[in-house]
């Protein structure tokens, strides 16, 4: 059974950076496309960033484009999300997700992902 465990959240001052990690176990990590989504209180889960199984293709939502980076280490079965210049509106629970199918050319949607982690809270303080 594939399991995803996120870490790296916490209370972060506005303007600082956060680096989230997601360790995948129980599957063949290098065959999965990986993504990060987030959900703020009272809002729907939204896409943040994704990376293809090879790492050659990345996707970013406009809200984080230019100040974030998604990466993966297939040897460690881990995907990372670095967000810089954090804003209060980045406050959310961040979820890691894995997809067994290749991603398309458009920004990925939640229904494309098969396995989800429990999430890690990121709170940006002013």
C-alpha atoms as a PDB file:
ATOM      1  CA  UNK A   1       0.000   0.000   0.000  1.00  0.00           C
ATOM      2  CA  UNK A   2       1.374   3.359  -1.042  1.00  0.00           C
ATOM      3  CA  UNK A   3       1.708   5.904   1.744  1.00  0.00           C
ATOM      4  CA  UNK A   4       2.644   9.581   1.604  1.00  0.00           C
ATOM      5  CA  UNK A   5       3.904  11.443   4.651  1.00  0.00           C
ATOM      6  CA  UNK A   6       4.372  15.198   4.569  1.00  0.00           C
ATOM      7  CA  UNK A   7       6.569  17.279   6.853  1.00  0.00           C
ATOM      8  CA  UNK A   8       8.042  20.746   7.059  1.00  0.00           C
ATOM      9  CA  UNK A   9       5.030  22.835   7.941  1.00  0.00           C
ATOM     10  CA  UNK A  10       4.717  25.170  10.869  1.00  0.00           C
ATOM     11  CA  UNK A  11       4.418  28.822  11.808  1.00  0.00           C
ATOM     12  CA  UNK A  12       6.430  30.982   9.433  1.00  0.00           C
ATOM     13  CA  UNK A  13       6.763  34.789   9.357  1.00  0.00           C
ATOM     14  CA  UNK A  14       5.529  36.536   6.245  1.00  0.00           C
ATOM     15  CA  UNK A  15       8.336  37.028   3.782  1.00  0.00           C
ATOM     16  CA  UNK A  16      10.206  33.930   4.904  1.00  0.00           C
ATOM     17  CA  UNK A  17      10.456  30.587   3.131  1.00  0.00           C
ATOM     18  CA  UNK A  18       9.139  27.125   3.808  1.00  0.00           C
ATOM     19  CA  UNK A  19      10.343  23.805   2.488  1.00  0.00           C
ATOM     20  CA  UNK A  20       7.910  20.939   2.570  1.00  0.00           C
ATOM     21  CA  UNK A  21       8.856  17.302   2.106  1.00  0.00           C
ATOM     22  CA  UNK A  22       6.802  14.272   1.207  1.00  0.00           C
ATOM     23  CA  UNK A  23       8.197  10.781   1.601  1.00  0.00           C
ATOM     24  CA  UNK A  24       6.557   8.008  -0.393  1.00  0.00           C
ATOM     25  CA  UNK A  25       6.639   4.377   0.684  1.00  0.00           C
ATOM     26  CA  UNK A  26       5.092   1.157  -0.497  1.00  0.00           C
ATOM     27  CA  UNK A  27       5.281   1.847  -4.205  1.00  0.00           C
ATOM     28  CA  UNK A  28       7.583   2.575  -7.099  1.00  0.00           C
ATOM     29  CA  UNK A  29       8.160   6.270  -6.533  1.00  0.00           C
ATOM     30  CA  UNK A  30       9.895   6.949  -9.810  1.00  0.00           C
ATOM     31  CA  UNK A  31       6.802   5.936 -11.752  1.00  0.00           C
ATOM     32  CA  UNK A  32       4.545   8.495 -10.056  1.00  0.00           C
ATOM     33  CA  UNK A  33       3.835  12.042 -11.016  1.00  0.00           C
ATOM     34  CA  UNK A  34       3.732  14.035  -7.799  1.00  0.00           C
ATOM     35  CA  UNK A  35       1.948  17.188  -6.752  1.00  0.00           C
ATOM     36  CA  UNK A  36       1.206  19.540  -3.930  1.00  0.00           C
ATOM     37  CA  UNK A  37      -2.249  20.878  -3.218  1.00  0.00           C
ATOM     38  CA  UNK A  38      -3.425  23.090  -0.401  1.00  0.00           C
ATOM     39  CA  UNK A  39      -6.640  23.801   1.412  1.00  0.00           C
ATOM     40  CA  UNK A  40      -7.348  26.889   3.445  1.00  0.00           C
ATOM     41  CA  UNK A  41     -10.141  27.013   6.041  1.00  0.00           C
ATOM     42  CA  UNK A  42     -13.522  27.248   4.373  1.00  0.00           C
ATOM     43  CA  UNK A  43     -12.077  26.829   0.892  1.00  0.00           C
ATOM     44  CA  UNK A  44     -11.768  24.004  -1.591  1.00  0.00           C
ATOM     45  CA  UNK A  45      -8.545  22.131  -2.106  1.00  0.00           C
ATOM     46  CA  UNK A  46      -6.495  23.840  -4.797  1.00  0.00           C
ATOM     47  CA  UNK A  47      -3.541  22.919  -6.952  1.00  0.00           C
ATOM     48  CA  UNK A  48      -0.137  24.391  -6.079  1.00  0.00           C
ATOM     49  CA  UNK A  49       2.574  22.581  -8.041  1.00  0.00           C
ATOM     50  CA  UNK A  50       3.322  19.272  -9.738  1.00  0.00           C
ATOM     51  CA  UNK A  51       6.245  17.407 -11.242  1.00  0.00           C
ATOM     52  CA  UNK A  52       6.380  14.609 -13.765  1.00  0.00           C
ATOM     53  CA  UNK A  53       7.834  11.223 -12.910  1.00  0.00           C
ATOM     54  CA  UNK A  54      11.083  12.129 -14.647  1.00  0.00           C
ATOM     55  CA  UNK A  55      11.290  15.552 -13.058  1.00  0.00           C
ATOM     56  CA  UNK A  56      11.608  17.172 -16.468  1.00  0.00           C
ATOM     57  CA  UNK A  57       8.196  18.824 -16.454  1.00  0.00           C
ATOM     58  CA  UNK A  58       6.851  21.044 -13.711  1.00  0.00           C
ATOM     59  CA  UNK A  59       3.565  22.840 -13.248  1.00  0.00           C
ATOM     60  CA  UNK A  60       2.763  25.807 -11.036  1.00  0.00           C
ATOM     61  CA  UNK A  61      -0.362  27.664 -10.133  1.00  0.00           C
ATOM     62  CA  UNK A  62      -0.141  31.376 -10.810  1.00  0.00           C
ATOM     63  CA  UNK A  63      -0.402  32.097  -7.085  1.00  0.00           C
ATOM     64  CA  UNK A  64       3.050  30.603  -6.443  1.00  0.00           C
ATOM     65  CA  UNK A  65       4.711  30.823  -9.840  1.00  0.00           C
ATOM     66  CA  UNK A  66       8.053  32.591  -9.670  1.00  0.00           C
ATOM     67  CA  UNK A  67       8.463  32.161  -5.931  1.00  0.00           C
ATOM     68  CA  UNK A  68       8.257  28.420  -5.527  1.00  0.00           C
ATOM     69  CA  UNK A  69      10.010  25.294  -6.718  1.00  0.00           C
ATOM     70  CA  UNK A  70       8.942  21.683  -6.777  1.00  0.00           C
ATOM     71  CA  UNK A  71      11.600  18.992  -7.023  1.00  0.00           C
ATOM     72  CA  UNK A  72      12.017  15.290  -6.460  1.00  0.00           C
ATOM     73  CA  UNK A  73      14.720  12.897  -5.396  1.00  0.00           C
ATOM     74  CA  UNK A  74      13.871   9.487  -6.790  1.00  0.00           C
ATOM     75  CA  UNK A  75      16.650   7.882  -4.781  1.00  0.00           C
ATOM     76  CA  UNK A  76      15.018   9.071  -1.575  1.00  0.00           C
ATOM     77  CA  UNK A  77      11.433   8.641  -2.794  1.00  0.00           C
ATOM     78  CA  UNK A  78      10.814  12.219  -1.745  1.00  0.00           C
ATOM     79  CA  UNK A  79       9.215  15.242  -3.347  1.00  0.00           C
ATOM     80  CA  UNK A  80       9.860  18.768  -2.097  1.00  0.00           C
ATOM     81  CA  UNK A  81       8.085  22.088  -2.312  1.00  0.00           C
ATOM     82  CA  UNK A  82       9.948  25.289  -1.572  1.00  0.00           C
ATOM     83  CA  UNK A  83       7.853  28.452  -1.305  1.00  0.00           C
ATOM     84  CA  UNK A  84       9.633  31.760  -0.892  1.00  0.00           C
ATOM     85  CA  UNK A  85       8.347  35.163   0.127  1.00  0.00           C
ATOM     86  CA  UNK A  86       5.441  33.615   2.000  1.00  0.00           C
ATOM     87  CA  UNK A  87       2.195  35.578   2.231  1.00  0.00           C
ATOM     88  CA  UNK A  88      -0.669  35.274   4.664  1.00  0.00           C
ATOM     89  CA  UNK A  89      -2.793  33.839   1.867  1.00  0.00           C
ATOM     90  CA  UNK A  90      -0.383  30.905   1.669  1.00  0.00           C
ATOM     91  CA  UNK A  91      -1.733  29.733   5.021  1.00  0.00           C
ATOM     92  CA  UNK A  92      -3.281  26.318   4.456  1.00  0.00           C
ATOM     93  CA  UNK A  93      -2.912  22.608   4.961  1.00  0.00           C
ATOM     94  CA  UNK A  94      -0.575  21.352   2.255  1.00  0.00           C
ATOM     95  CA  UNK A  95      -1.194  17.910   0.811  1.00  0.00           C
ATOM     96  CA  UNK A  96       1.123  15.720  -1.182  1.00  0.00           C
ATOM     97  CA  UNK A  97      -0.422  13.548  -3.896  1.00  0.00           C
ATOM     98  CA  UNK A  98       0.721  10.822  -6.273  1.00  0.00           C
ATOM     99  CA  UNK A  99      -0.607   9.966  -9.724  1.00  0.00           C
ATOM    100  CA  UNK A 100       0.044   6.675 -11.485  1.00  0.00           C
ATOM    101  CA  UNK A 101      -0.847   8.132 -14.876  1.00  0.00           C
ATOM    102  CA  UNK A 102       1.114  10.686 -16.832  1.00  0.00           C
ATOM    103  CA  UNK A 103       0.025  14.286 -16.436  1.00  0.00           C
ATOM    104  CA  UNK A 104      -1.281  16.261 -19.383  1.00  0.00           C
ATOM    105  CA  UNK A 105      -0.407  19.698 -20.642  1.00  0.00           C
ATOM    106  CA  UNK A 106      -2.926  21.539 -18.481  1.00  0.00           C
ATOM    107  CA  UNK A 107      -2.595  22.192 -14.773  1.00  0.00           C
ATOM    108  CA  UNK A 108      -3.378  18.974 -12.910  1.00  0.00           C
ATOM    109  CA  UNK A 109      -6.661  18.477 -11.096  1.00  0.00           C
ATOM    110  CA  UNK A 110      -7.356  16.639  -7.852  1.00  0.00           C
ATOM    111  CA  UNK A 111      -9.119  13.768  -9.620  1.00  0.00           C
ATOM    112  CA  UNK A 112      -5.926  12.862 -11.485  1.00  0.00           C
ATOM    113  CA  UNK A 113      -4.227  11.784  -8.269  1.00  0.00           C
ATOM    114  CA  UNK A 114      -4.678   8.378  -6.699  1.00  0.00           C
ATOM    115  CA  UNK A 115      -2.992   8.613  -3.322  1.00  0.00           C
ATOM    116  CA  UNK A 116      -2.919  11.461  -0.824  1.00  0.00           C
ATOM    117  CA  UNK A 117      -1.018  12.275   2.313  1.00  0.00           C
ATOM    118  CA  UNK A 118      -2.544  13.528   5.551  1.00  0.00           C
ATOM    119  CA  UNK A 119      -1.294  17.060   5.068  1.00  0.00           C
ATOM    120  CA  UNK A 120       0.972  19.464   6.904  1.00  0.00           C
ATOM    121  CA  UNK A 121      -0.152  22.845   8.221  1.00  0.00           C
ATOM    122  CA  UNK A 122       1.615  25.988   7.086  1.00  0.00           C
ATOM    123  CA  UNK A 123       0.632  29.145   8.923  1.00  0.00           C
ATOM    124  CA  UNK A 124       2.079  32.440   7.776  1.00  0.00           C
ATOM    125  CA  UNK A 125       2.129  35.126  10.431  1.00  0.00           C
ATOM    126  CA  UNK A 126       2.205  38.841   9.770  1.00  0.00           C
END
